[in-house]
Amino acid sequence: MIGNILLSPPVLFLLLLAIGLALSHAVSGLAAPGGANGDRKLESYACGQRHYTHNTSPDYGQFFPYAFFFTIMHVLVLVIATAPRDVLTMPLLYVGAGLLALYIIFRR
């Protein structure tokens, strides 16, 4: 009985959260001191330069078809692999929708 309560998701989440907070508090003494200017710990730092700003904005337009293709294939495989043997309608609908999506991707 008590094992079932301890393994329930809300209780287990709160238990692990408490353990994580306790560990964080226990090792906080190992962190670097903030010094006189404690805000510097939160500044961005890249390649030895302070106050580094991005001068370009990357274009993900060419990446989108690959990400969409991966997502469609991933969902199709998961639906087909986890579908019960006696249910055939839903996986076939997903395959049809996936083929339509792939047609739209490769048509452009």
C-alpha atoms as a PDB file:
ATOM      1  CA  MET A   1       0.000   0.000   0.000  1.00  0.00           C
ATOM      2  CA  ILE A   2       2.680   2.514   1.020  1.00  0.00           C
ATOM      3  CA  GLY A   3       4.803   1.423  -1.963  1.00  0.00           C
ATOM      4  CA  ASN A   4       1.999   2.311  -4.356  1.00  0.00           C
ATOM      5  CA  ILE A   5       1.606   5.752  -2.804  1.00  0.00           C
ATOM      6  CA  LEU A   6       5.348   6.457  -2.936  1.00  0.00           C
ATOM      7  CA  LEU A   7       5.506   5.437  -6.590  1.00  0.00           C
ATOM      8  CA  SER A   8       2.580   7.617  -7.668  1.00  0.00           C
ATOM      9  CA  PRO A   9       3.779  10.372 -10.053  1.00  0.00           C
ATOM     10  CA  PRO A  10       2.920  13.430  -7.895  1.00  0.00           C
ATOM     11  CA  VAL A  11       4.512  12.020  -4.733  1.00  0.00           C
ATOM     12  CA  LEU A  12       7.565  10.761  -6.609  1.00  0.00           C
ATOM     13  CA  PHE A  13       7.942  14.143  -8.337  1.00  0.00           C
ATOM     14  CA  LEU A  14       7.831  16.003  -5.018  1.00  0.00           C
ATOM     15  CA  LEU A  15      10.277  13.531  -3.476  1.00  0.00           C
ATOM     16  CA  LEU A  16      12.778  13.899  -6.333  1.00  0.00           C
ATOM     17  CA  LEU A  17      12.310  17.677  -6.321  1.00  0.00           C
ATOM     18  CA  ALA A  18      13.159  17.773  -2.605  1.00  0.00           C
ATOM     19  CA  ILE A  19      16.231  15.589  -3.180  1.00  0.00           C
ATOM     20  CA  GLY A  20      17.350  17.830  -6.052  1.00  0.00           C
ATOM     21  CA  LEU A  21      16.909  21.002  -4.011  1.00  0.00           C
ATOM     22  CA  ALA A  22      18.791  19.468  -1.084  1.00  0.00           C
ATOM     23  CA  LEU A  23      21.674  18.452  -3.355  1.00  0.00           C
ATOM     24  CA  SER A  24      21.730  21.886  -4.941  1.00  0.00           C
ATOM     25  CA  HIS A  25      21.878  23.534  -1.555  1.00  0.00           C
ATOM     26  CA  ALA A  26      24.568  21.098  -0.373  1.00  0.00           C
ATOM     27  CA  VAL A  27      26.938  21.828  -3.287  1.00  0.00           C
ATOM     28  CA  SER A  28      26.224  25.557  -3.593  1.00  0.00           C
ATOM     29  CA  GLY A  29      29.344  26.257  -1.528  1.00  0.00           C
ATOM     30  CA  LEU A  30      31.445  24.932  -4.427  1.00  0.00           C
ATOM     31  CA  ALA A  31      30.206  27.623  -6.821  1.00  0.00           C
ATOM     32  CA  ALA A  32      32.514  30.475  -7.806  1.00  0.00           C
ATOM     33  CA  PRO A  33      32.042  33.569  -5.659  1.00  0.00           C
ATOM     34  CA  GLY A  34      30.253  36.490  -7.233  1.00  0.00           C
ATOM     35  CA  GLY A  35      32.743  39.080  -6.054  1.00  0.00           C
ATOM     36  CA  ALA A  36      32.042  42.820  -6.151  1.00  0.00           C
ATOM     37  CA  ASN A  37      30.335  42.579  -9.507  1.00  0.00           C
ATOM     38  CA  GLY A  38      28.080  39.556  -9.091  1.00  0.00           C
ATOM     39  CA  ASP A  39      26.073  40.351 -12.231  1.00  0.00           C
ATOM     40  CA  ARG A  40      28.990  39.315 -14.435  1.00  0.00           C
ATOM     41  CA  LYS A  41      28.175  35.661 -13.791  1.00  0.00           C
ATOM     42  CA  LEU A  42      24.972  36.114 -15.804  1.00  0.00           C
ATOM     43  CA  GLU A  43      26.482  37.956 -18.812  1.00  0.00           C
ATOM     44  CA  SER A  44      26.956  36.241 -22.143  1.00  0.00           C
ATOM     45  CA  TYR A  45      30.503  35.219 -23.031  1.00  0.00           C
ATOM     46  CA  ALA A  46      31.641  33.809 -26.346  1.00  0.00           C
ATOM     47  CA  CYS A  47      35.066  33.294 -27.917  1.00  0.00           C
ATOM     48  CA  GLY A  48      36.849  35.539 -25.432  1.00  0.00           C
ATOM     49  CA  GLN A  49      34.642  38.539 -26.191  1.00  0.00           C
ATOM     50  CA  ARG A  50      32.310  40.216 -23.759  1.00  0.00           C
ATOM     51  CA  HIS A  51      28.973  41.650 -24.883  1.00  0.00           C
ATOM     52  CA  TYR A  52      28.926  39.494 -27.972  1.00  0.00           C
ATOM     53  CA  THR A  53      25.932  40.238 -30.191  1.00  0.00           C
ATOM     54  CA  HIS A  54      24.689  38.262 -33.151  1.00  0.00           C
ATOM     55  CA  ASN A  55      25.030  40.234 -36.356  1.00  0.00           C
ATOM     56  CA  THR A  56      23.162  37.743 -38.510  1.00  0.00           C
ATOM     57  CA  SER A  57      19.870  36.009 -38.185  1.00  0.00           C
ATOM     58  CA  PRO A  58      20.047  32.399 -39.447  1.00  0.00           C
ATOM     59  CA  ASP A  59      17.530  31.326 -42.053  1.00  0.00           C
ATOM     60  CA  TYR A  60      15.933  27.998 -41.217  1.00  0.00           C
ATOM     61  CA  GLY A  61      13.934  27.878 -44.431  1.00  0.00           C
ATOM     62  CA  GLN A  62      16.197  25.214 -45.952  1.00  0.00           C
ATOM     63  CA  PHE A  63      16.187  23.165 -42.742  1.00  0.00           C
ATOM     64  CA  PHE A  64      12.394  22.980 -42.428  1.00  0.00           C
ATOM     65  CA  PRO A  65      11.755  20.276 -45.083  1.00  0.00           C
ATOM     66  CA  TYR A  66      14.256  17.923 -43.426  1.00  0.00           C
ATOM     67  CA  ALA A  67      12.787  18.497 -39.968  1.00  0.00           C
ATOM     68  CA  PHE A  68       9.266  18.011 -41.325  1.00  0.00           C
ATOM     69  CA  PHE A  69      10.315  14.828 -43.152  1.00  0.00           C
ATOM     70  CA  PHE A  70      11.882  13.422 -39.964  1.00  0.00           C
ATOM     71  CA  THR A  71       8.790  14.297 -37.916  1.00  0.00           C
ATOM     72  CA  ILE A  72       6.407  12.682 -40.406  1.00  0.00           C
ATOM     73  CA  MET A  73       8.509   9.522 -40.653  1.00  0.00           C
ATOM     74  CA  HIS A  74       8.934   9.313 -36.888  1.00  0.00           C
ATOM     75  CA  VAL A  75       5.207   9.607 -36.212  1.00  0.00           C
ATOM     76  CA  LEU A  76       4.365   7.110 -38.963  1.00  0.00           C
ATOM     77  CA  VAL A  77       6.765   4.509 -37.590  1.00  0.00           C
ATOM     78  CA  LEU A  78       5.534   5.013 -34.024  1.00  0.00           C
ATOM     79  CA  VAL A  79       1.874   4.712 -35.025  1.00  0.00           C
ATOM     80  CA  ILE A  80       2.429   1.619 -37.156  1.00  0.00           C
ATOM     81  CA  ALA A  81       4.704  -0.054 -34.596  1.00  0.00           C
ATOM     82  CA  THR A  82       2.349   0.512 -31.672  1.00  0.00           C
ATOM     83  CA  ALA A  83      -0.955  -0.171 -33.437  1.00  0.00           C
ATOM     84  CA  PRO A  84      -2.839  -3.259 -32.260  1.00  0.00           C
ATOM     85  CA  ARG A  85      -3.065  -6.110 -34.755  1.00  0.00           C
ATOM     86  CA  ASP A  86      -6.858  -5.998 -34.992  1.00  0.00           C
ATOM     87  CA  VAL A  87      -7.025  -2.234 -35.738  1.00  0.00           C
ATOM     88  CA  LEU A  88      -5.998  -1.411 -39.280  1.00  0.00           C
ATOM     89  CA  THR A  89      -7.976   1.730 -40.112  1.00  0.00           C
ATOM     90  CA  MET A  90      -6.046   4.302 -38.073  1.00  0.00           C
ATOM     91  CA  PRO A  91      -2.538   3.245 -39.200  1.00  0.00           C
ATOM     92  CA  LEU A  92      -3.689   3.287 -42.809  1.00  0.00           C
ATOM     93  CA  LEU A  93      -5.085   6.793 -42.360  1.00  0.00           C
ATOM     94  CA  TYR A  94      -1.760   7.914 -40.868  1.00  0.00           C
ATOM     95  CA  VAL A  95       0.161   6.335 -43.757  1.00  0.00           C
ATOM     96  CA  GLY A  96      -2.104   8.127 -46.234  1.00  0.00           C
ATOM     97  CA  ALA A  97      -1.658  11.460 -44.457  1.00  0.00           C
ATOM     98  CA  GLY A  98       2.100  10.860 -44.296  1.00  0.00           C
ATOM     99  CA  LEU A  99       2.309  10.106 -47.996  1.00  0.00           C
ATOM    100  CA  LEU A 100       0.338  13.270 -48.740  1.00  0.00           C
ATOM    101  CA  ALA A 101       2.692  15.304 -46.539  1.00  0.00           C
ATOM    102  CA  LEU A 102       5.742  13.798 -48.229  1.00  0.00           C
ATOM    103  CA  TYR A 103       4.242  14.570 -51.644  1.00  0.00           C
ATOM    104  CA  ILE A 104       3.789  18.181 -50.587  1.00  0.00           C
ATOM    105  CA  ILE A 105       7.387  18.383 -49.302  1.00  0.00           C
ATOM    106  CA  PHE A 106       8.983  16.934 -52.428  1.00  0.00           C
ATOM    107  CA  ARG A 107       6.729  18.817 -54.819  1.00  0.00           C
ATOM    108  CA  ARG A 108       8.346  22.128 -53.842  1.00  0.00           C
END
